[in-house]
Amino acid sequence: MSYEELVFDVFAKNCTSRPVMDTVAGRWGILSMAALLDGTHRFNELRRRVDGVSEKMLSQTLHALERDGLVLRTVQSTIPPRVEYSLTDAGRRIATKLLELIELVEAEMPGIAVAQARYDDSR
């Protein structure tokens, strides 16, 4: 059976889309991909943009996104080598949706903050 014939269902416990969803929908995946929508970034530029991510977590996230075909890692043969990260076409499509989610969450934060305070006060 070829990949084109496979049916992916993220709700099925053994679906191979679940690890991809974990990477993409995790905190660092969402933020890294959304940051890369701005364009190509070097590692430290991306790390500064995604405030709070450790070097280790950003590296792991970028490797996973590269493996999934969502991020392109380009090494230029300069001294020292220059490594840049950018989104693939699939990465760009997914990141666009993630940015919509980020913007929606940010827009809803006033109401969320009220709900959180009400919940916390009732406990």
N, C-alpha and C. Protein backbone atom coordinates (compact mmCIF):
# COMPACT_ATOMS: atom_id res chain seq x y z
N MET A 1 0.85 -1.18 0.00
CA MET A 1 0.00 0.00 0.00
C MET A 1 0.89 1.24 0.00
N SER A 2 0.62 2.16 -0.87
CA SER A 2 1.42 3.38 -0.96
C SER A 2 0.87 4.42 0.02
N TYR A 3 1.68 5.47 0.27
CA TYR A 3 1.25 6.53 1.18
C TYR A 3 -0.02 7.21 0.67
N GLU A 4 -0.17 7.30 -0.66
CA GLU A 4 -1.35 7.94 -1.21
C GLU A 4 -2.62 7.16 -0.88
N GLU A 5 -2.50 5.86 -0.64
CA GLU A 5 -3.65 5.01 -0.36
C GLU A 5 -3.99 4.93 1.13
N LEU A 6 -3.09 5.38 1.98
CA LEU A 6 -3.33 5.31 3.42
C LEU A 6 -4.40 6.31 3.83
N VAL A 7 -5.16 5.93 4.83
CA VAL A 7 -6.16 6.81 5.41
C VAL A 7 -5.64 7.21 6.78
N PHE A 8 -5.52 8.49 7.00
CA PHE A 8 -5.02 9.00 8.27
C PHE A 8 -6.19 9.50 9.10
N ASP A 9 -6.24 9.07 10.35
CA ASP A 9 -7.30 9.48 11.26
C ASP A 9 -6.66 9.76 12.61
N VAL A 10 -6.49 11.02 12.94
CA VAL A 10 -5.79 11.42 14.15
C VAL A 10 -6.49 10.91 15.41
N PHE A 11 -7.76 10.55 15.31
CA PHE A 11 -8.48 10.02 16.46
C PHE A 11 -8.19 8.54 16.71
N ALA A 12 -7.60 7.87 15.74
CA ALA A 12 -7.21 6.46 15.90
C ALA A 12 -5.89 6.40 16.65
N LYS A 13 -5.82 5.57 17.70
CA LYS A 13 -4.66 5.61 18.59
C LYS A 13 -3.34 5.27 17.90
N ASN A 14 -3.34 4.49 16.86
CA ASN A 14 -2.10 4.11 16.18
C ASN A 14 -1.82 4.91 14.91
N CYS A 15 -2.60 5.95 14.68
CA CYS A 15 -2.41 6.74 13.47
C CYS A 15 -1.06 7.47 13.52
N THR A 16 -0.34 7.39 12.43
CA THR A 16 0.99 8.01 12.38
C THR A 16 0.92 9.54 12.32
N SER A 17 -0.28 10.08 12.19
CA SER A 17 -0.40 11.54 12.21
C SER A 17 -0.31 12.10 13.63
N ARG A 18 -0.51 11.25 14.63
CA ARG A 18 -0.49 11.74 16.02
C ARG A 18 0.86 12.34 16.44
N PRO A 19 1.98 11.68 16.17
CA PRO A 19 3.25 12.32 16.54
C PRO A 19 3.47 13.65 15.82
N VAL A 20 3.03 13.73 14.57
CA VAL A 20 3.15 14.99 13.82
C VAL A 20 2.29 16.05 14.50
N MET A 21 1.08 15.66 14.87
CA MET A 21 0.18 16.59 15.55
C MET A 21 0.79 17.05 16.87
N ASP A 22 1.43 16.12 17.59
CA ASP A 22 2.09 16.49 18.85
C ASP A 22 3.14 17.56 18.63
N THR A 23 3.95 17.40 17.60
CA THR A 23 5.01 18.36 17.30
C THR A 23 4.43 19.70 16.86
N VAL A 24 3.52 19.65 15.91
CA VAL A 24 2.94 20.87 15.35
C VAL A 24 2.12 21.63 16.39
N ALA A 25 1.33 20.91 17.17
CA ALA A 25 0.41 21.55 18.11
C ALA A 25 1.03 21.81 19.48
N GLY A 26 2.25 21.34 19.70
CA GLY A 26 2.93 21.63 20.96
C GLY A 26 3.31 23.10 21.01
N ARG A 27 3.54 23.59 22.20
CA ARG A 27 3.86 25.01 22.39
C ARG A 27 4.99 25.48 21.47
N TRP A 28 6.09 24.75 21.44
CA TRP A 28 7.25 25.21 20.67
C TRP A 28 7.05 25.00 19.17
N GLY A 29 6.30 24.00 18.78
CA GLY A 29 6.00 23.79 17.36
C GLY A 29 5.16 24.91 16.80
N ILE A 30 4.09 25.24 17.52
CA ILE A 30 3.21 26.33 17.08
C ILE A 30 3.98 27.63 16.96
N LEU A 31 4.74 27.96 18.00
CA LEU A 31 5.44 29.25 18.00
C LEU A 31 6.56 29.29 16.97
N SER A 32 7.28 28.19 16.81
CA SER A 32 8.37 28.15 15.82
C SER A 32 7.83 28.30 14.41
N MET A 33 6.77 27.56 14.12
CA MET A 33 6.20 27.64 12.77
C MET A 33 5.60 29.00 12.49
N ALA A 34 4.91 29.57 13.48
CA ALA A 34 4.33 30.90 13.29
C ALA A 34 5.44 31.93 13.08
N ALA A 35 6.54 31.81 13.82
CA ALA A 35 7.66 32.74 13.65
C ALA A 35 8.28 32.61 12.26
N LEU A 36 8.33 31.39 11.74
CA LEU A 36 8.92 31.18 10.42
C LEU A 36 8.03 31.68 9.29
N LEU A 37 6.78 32.00 9.59
CA LEU A 37 5.92 32.61 8.56
C LEU A 37 6.48 33.96 8.14
N ASP A 38 7.24 34.61 9.04
CA ASP A 38 7.86 35.90 8.72
C ASP A 38 8.95 35.76 7.67
N GLY A 39 9.47 34.54 7.49
CA GLY A 39 10.54 34.30 6.54
C GLY A 39 11.63 33.43 7.14
N THR A 40 12.72 33.34 6.43
CA THR A 40 13.85 32.51 6.83
C THR A 40 14.54 33.10 8.05
N HIS A 41 14.91 32.22 8.99
CA HIS A 41 15.60 32.66 10.20
C HIS A 41 16.77 31.74 10.51
N ARG A 42 17.80 32.32 11.06
CA ARG A 42 18.87 31.52 11.64
C ARG A 42 18.42 31.05 13.01
N PHE A 43 19.12 30.04 13.54
CA PHE A 43 18.71 29.42 14.80
C PHE A 43 18.56 30.44 15.92
N ASN A 44 19.58 31.26 16.14
CA ASN A 44 19.53 32.21 17.27
C ASN A 44 18.49 33.30 17.06
N GLU A 45 18.24 33.68 15.81
CA GLU A 45 17.16 34.64 15.53
C GLU A 45 15.83 34.04 15.95
N LEU A 46 15.64 32.79 15.58
CA LEU A 46 14.40 32.09 15.91
C LEU A 46 14.27 31.91 17.42
N ARG A 47 15.36 31.61 18.06
CA ARG A 47 15.34 31.43 19.52
C ARG A 47 14.97 32.73 20.23
N ARG A 48 15.48 33.85 19.73
CA ARG A 48 15.11 35.14 20.32
C ARG A 48 13.63 35.45 20.07
N ARG A 49 13.14 35.10 18.89
CA ARG A 49 11.74 35.37 18.53
C ARG A 49 10.79 34.53 19.38
N VAL A 50 11.15 33.27 19.61
CA VAL A 50 10.32 32.37 20.41
C VAL A 50 10.83 32.45 21.85
N ASP A 51 10.50 33.53 22.49
CA ASP A 51 10.99 33.84 23.82
C ASP A 51 10.66 32.72 24.81
N GLY A 52 11.67 32.27 25.54
CA GLY A 52 11.46 31.26 26.57
C GLY A 52 11.83 29.85 26.16
N VAL A 53 12.01 29.60 24.87
CA VAL A 53 12.38 28.26 24.42
C VAL A 53 13.86 28.03 24.70
N SER A 54 14.19 26.85 25.20
CA SER A 54 15.60 26.53 25.42
C SER A 54 16.23 26.12 24.09
N GLU A 55 17.54 26.20 24.04
CA GLU A 55 18.27 25.79 22.84
C GLU A 55 17.94 24.33 22.50
N LYS A 56 17.92 23.49 23.54
CA LYS A 56 17.65 22.06 23.34
C LYS A 56 16.25 21.83 22.77
N MET A 57 15.24 22.48 23.34
CA MET A 57 13.86 22.29 22.88
C MET A 57 13.65 22.83 21.47
N LEU A 58 14.26 23.97 21.16
CA LEU A 58 14.13 24.51 19.82
C LEU A 58 14.79 23.58 18.82
N SER A 59 15.97 23.08 19.15
CA SER A 59 16.67 22.16 18.27
C SER A 59 15.84 20.90 18.03
N GLN A 60 15.29 20.32 19.10
CA GLN A 60 14.46 19.12 18.96
C GLN A 60 13.22 19.39 18.11
N THR A 61 12.61 20.53 18.34
CA THR A 61 11.40 20.89 17.60
C THR A 61 11.71 21.07 16.12
N LEU A 62 12.78 21.79 15.81
CA LEU A 62 13.14 22.02 14.41
C LEU A 62 13.51 20.71 13.72
N HIS A 63 14.21 19.82 14.41
CA HIS A 63 14.54 18.51 13.81
C HIS A 63 13.27 17.73 13.50
N ALA A 64 12.33 17.72 14.43
CA ALA A 64 11.07 17.00 14.22
C ALA A 64 10.28 17.61 13.06
N LEU A 65 10.22 18.93 13.01
CA LEU A 65 9.50 19.60 11.92
C LEU A 65 10.19 19.38 10.57
N GLU A 66 11.50 19.31 10.59
CA GLU A 66 12.25 19.01 9.36
C GLU A 66 11.95 17.58 8.92
N ARG A 67 11.96 16.64 9.85
CA ARG A 67 11.67 15.24 9.54
C ARG A 67 10.28 15.10 8.93
N ASP A 68 9.33 15.88 9.45
CA ASP A 68 7.96 15.82 8.96
C ASP A 68 7.76 16.57 7.64
N GLY A 69 8.81 17.21 7.15
CA GLY A 69 8.71 17.90 5.87
C GLY A 69 8.04 19.26 5.96
N LEU A 70 8.04 19.85 7.15
CA LEU A 70 7.39 21.14 7.35
C LEU A 70 8.37 22.30 7.42
N VAL A 71 9.60 21.97 7.78
CA VAL A 71 10.67 22.98 7.87
C VAL A 71 11.84 22.52 7.02
N LEU A 72 12.42 23.47 6.33
CA LEU A 72 13.61 23.22 5.51
C LEU A 72 14.82 23.80 6.22
N ARG A 73 15.83 22.98 6.41
CA ARG A 73 17.10 23.41 7.02
C ARG A 73 18.12 23.53 5.90
N THR A 74 18.65 24.72 5.73
CA THR A 74 19.61 24.98 4.66
C THR A 74 20.95 25.36 5.27
N VAL A 75 21.99 24.63 4.89
CA VAL A 75 23.35 24.90 5.39
C VAL A 75 24.14 25.52 4.24
N GLN A 76 24.66 26.72 4.47
CA GLN A 76 25.50 27.37 3.48
C GLN A 76 26.95 27.09 3.82
N SER A 77 27.71 26.73 2.83
CA SER A 77 29.11 26.34 3.07
C SER A 77 30.01 27.56 3.19
N THR A 78 29.80 28.29 4.26
CA THR A 78 30.67 29.42 4.59
C THR A 78 31.45 29.03 5.84
N ILE A 79 32.38 29.86 6.22
CA ILE A 79 33.13 29.60 7.46
C ILE A 79 32.84 30.75 8.41
N PRO A 80 32.21 30.51 9.52
CA PRO A 80 31.58 29.26 9.94
C PRO A 80 30.34 28.97 9.09
N PRO A 81 29.87 27.72 9.09
CA PRO A 81 28.68 27.39 8.29
C PRO A 81 27.47 28.22 8.75
N ARG A 82 26.67 28.64 7.81
CA ARG A 82 25.46 29.41 8.11
C ARG A 82 24.26 28.49 7.90
N VAL A 83 23.49 28.29 8.95
CA VAL A 83 22.32 27.42 8.89
C VAL A 83 21.07 28.28 9.01
N GLU A 84 20.15 28.06 8.08
CA GLU A 84 18.90 28.82 8.07
C GLU A 84 17.71 27.87 8.03
N TYR A 85 16.62 28.32 8.59
CA TYR A 85 15.39 27.53 8.64
C TYR A 85 14.28 28.31 7.96
N SER A 86 13.49 27.58 7.19
CA SER A 86 12.34 28.18 6.53
C SER A 86 11.23 27.14 6.45
N LEU A 87 10.04 27.58 6.11
CA LEU A 87 8.91 26.66 5.98
C LEU A 87 8.84 26.10 4.57
N THR A 88 8.45 24.85 4.47
CA THR A 88 8.14 24.25 3.17
C THR A 88 6.72 24.73 2.80
N ASP A 89 6.25 24.36 1.63
CA ASP A 89 4.89 24.73 1.25
C ASP A 89 3.87 24.17 2.24
N ALA A 90 4.03 22.90 2.61
CA ALA A 90 3.12 22.29 3.59
C ALA A 90 3.24 23.01 4.94
N GLY A 91 4.45 23.32 5.34
CA GLY A 91 4.67 24.03 6.59
C GLY A 91 4.01 25.39 6.59
N ARG A 92 4.06 26.08 5.45
CA ARG A 92 3.44 27.39 5.33
C ARG A 92 1.92 27.29 5.46
N ARG A 93 1.33 26.27 4.81
CA ARG A 93 -0.13 26.10 4.91
C ARG A 93 -0.55 25.83 6.36
N ILE A 94 0.20 24.97 7.03
CA ILE A 94 -0.13 24.64 8.43
C ILE A 94 0.12 25.85 9.33
N ALA A 95 1.25 26.53 9.14
CA ALA A 95 1.59 27.68 9.98
C ALA A 95 0.56 28.80 9.83
N THR A 96 0.00 28.96 8.66
CA THR A 96 -1.03 29.98 8.44
C THR A 96 -2.24 29.70 9.33
N LYS A 97 -2.63 28.44 9.41
CA LYS A 97 -3.75 28.05 10.28
C LYS A 97 -3.37 28.22 11.76
N LEU A 98 -2.14 27.89 12.10
CA LEU A 98 -1.69 28.05 13.49
C LEU A 98 -1.70 29.51 13.88
N LEU A 99 -1.29 30.39 12.98
CA LEU A 99 -1.31 31.82 13.27
C LEU A 99 -2.74 32.31 13.49
N GLU A 100 -3.69 31.77 12.72
CA GLU A 100 -5.09 32.11 12.94
C GLU A 100 -5.52 31.70 14.35
N LEU A 101 -5.09 30.52 14.79
CA LEU A 101 -5.40 30.05 16.14
C LEU A 101 -4.78 30.96 17.19
N ILE A 102 -3.52 31.33 17.00
CA ILE A 102 -2.84 32.24 17.93
C ILE A 102 -3.60 33.55 18.04
N GLU A 103 -3.98 34.11 16.90
CA GLU A 103 -4.69 35.40 16.88
C GLU A 103 -6.06 35.27 17.56
N LEU A 104 -6.74 34.14 17.36
CA LEU A 104 -8.04 33.92 17.99
C LEU A 104 -7.89 33.82 19.50
N VAL A 105 -6.90 33.07 19.96
CA VAL A 105 -6.67 32.94 21.41
C VAL A 105 -6.34 34.31 22.00
N GLU A 106 -5.46 35.06 21.35
CA GLU A 106 -5.10 36.39 21.86
C GLU A 106 -6.33 37.31 21.93
N ALA A 107 -7.19 37.23 20.92
CA ALA A 107 -8.39 38.08 20.90
C ALA A 107 -9.37 37.69 22.00
N GLU A 108 -9.39 36.43 22.36
CA GLU A 108 -10.32 35.94 23.39
C GLU A 108 -9.76 36.08 24.81
N MET A 109 -8.52 36.52 24.95
CA MET A 109 -7.88 36.56 26.27
C MET A 109 -8.60 37.42 27.30
N PRO A 110 -9.19 38.56 26.97
CA PRO A 110 -9.91 39.31 28.01
C PRO A 110 -11.02 38.46 28.66
N GLY A 111 -11.81 37.79 27.85
CA GLY A 111 -12.87 36.93 28.39
C GLY A 111 -12.31 35.72 29.11
N ILE A 112 -11.23 35.18 28.60
CA ILE A 112 -10.58 34.02 29.25
C ILE A 112 -10.04 34.43 30.62
N ALA A 113 -9.43 35.61 30.70
CA ALA A 113 -8.88 36.08 31.98
C ALA A 113 -10.00 36.24 33.02
N VAL A 114 -11.15 36.74 32.59
CA VAL A 114 -12.30 36.89 33.49
C VAL A 114 -12.77 35.51 33.95
N ALA A 115 -12.88 34.57 33.01
CA ALA A 115 -13.33 33.22 33.35
C ALA A 115 -12.34 32.55 34.30
N GLN A 116 -11.06 32.74 34.07
CA GLN A 116 -10.05 32.15 34.95
C GLN A 116 -10.15 32.71 36.37
N ALA A 117 -10.31 34.03 36.48
CA ALA A 117 -10.43 34.68 37.79
C ALA A 117 -11.68 34.20 38.50
N ARG A 118 -12.78 34.09 37.78
CA ARG A 118 -14.04 33.62 38.37
C ARG A 118 -13.87 32.18 38.87
N TYR A 119 -13.25 31.34 38.05
CA TYR A 119 -13.00 29.95 38.42
C TYR A 119 -12.11 29.87 39.66
N ASP A 120 -11.00 30.61 39.64
CA ASP A 120 -10.05 30.60 40.76
C ASP A 120 -10.71 31.10 42.05
N ASP A 121 -11.56 32.12 41.94
CA ASP A 121 -12.24 32.68 43.12
C ASP A 121 -13.24 31.69 43.71
N SER A 122 -13.78 30.82 42.89
CA SER A 122 -14.79 29.86 43.37
C SER A 122 -14.17 28.63 43.99
N ARG A 123 -12.87 28.48 43.95
CA ARG A 123 -12.20 27.31 44.51
C ARG A 123 -11.71 27.56 45.89
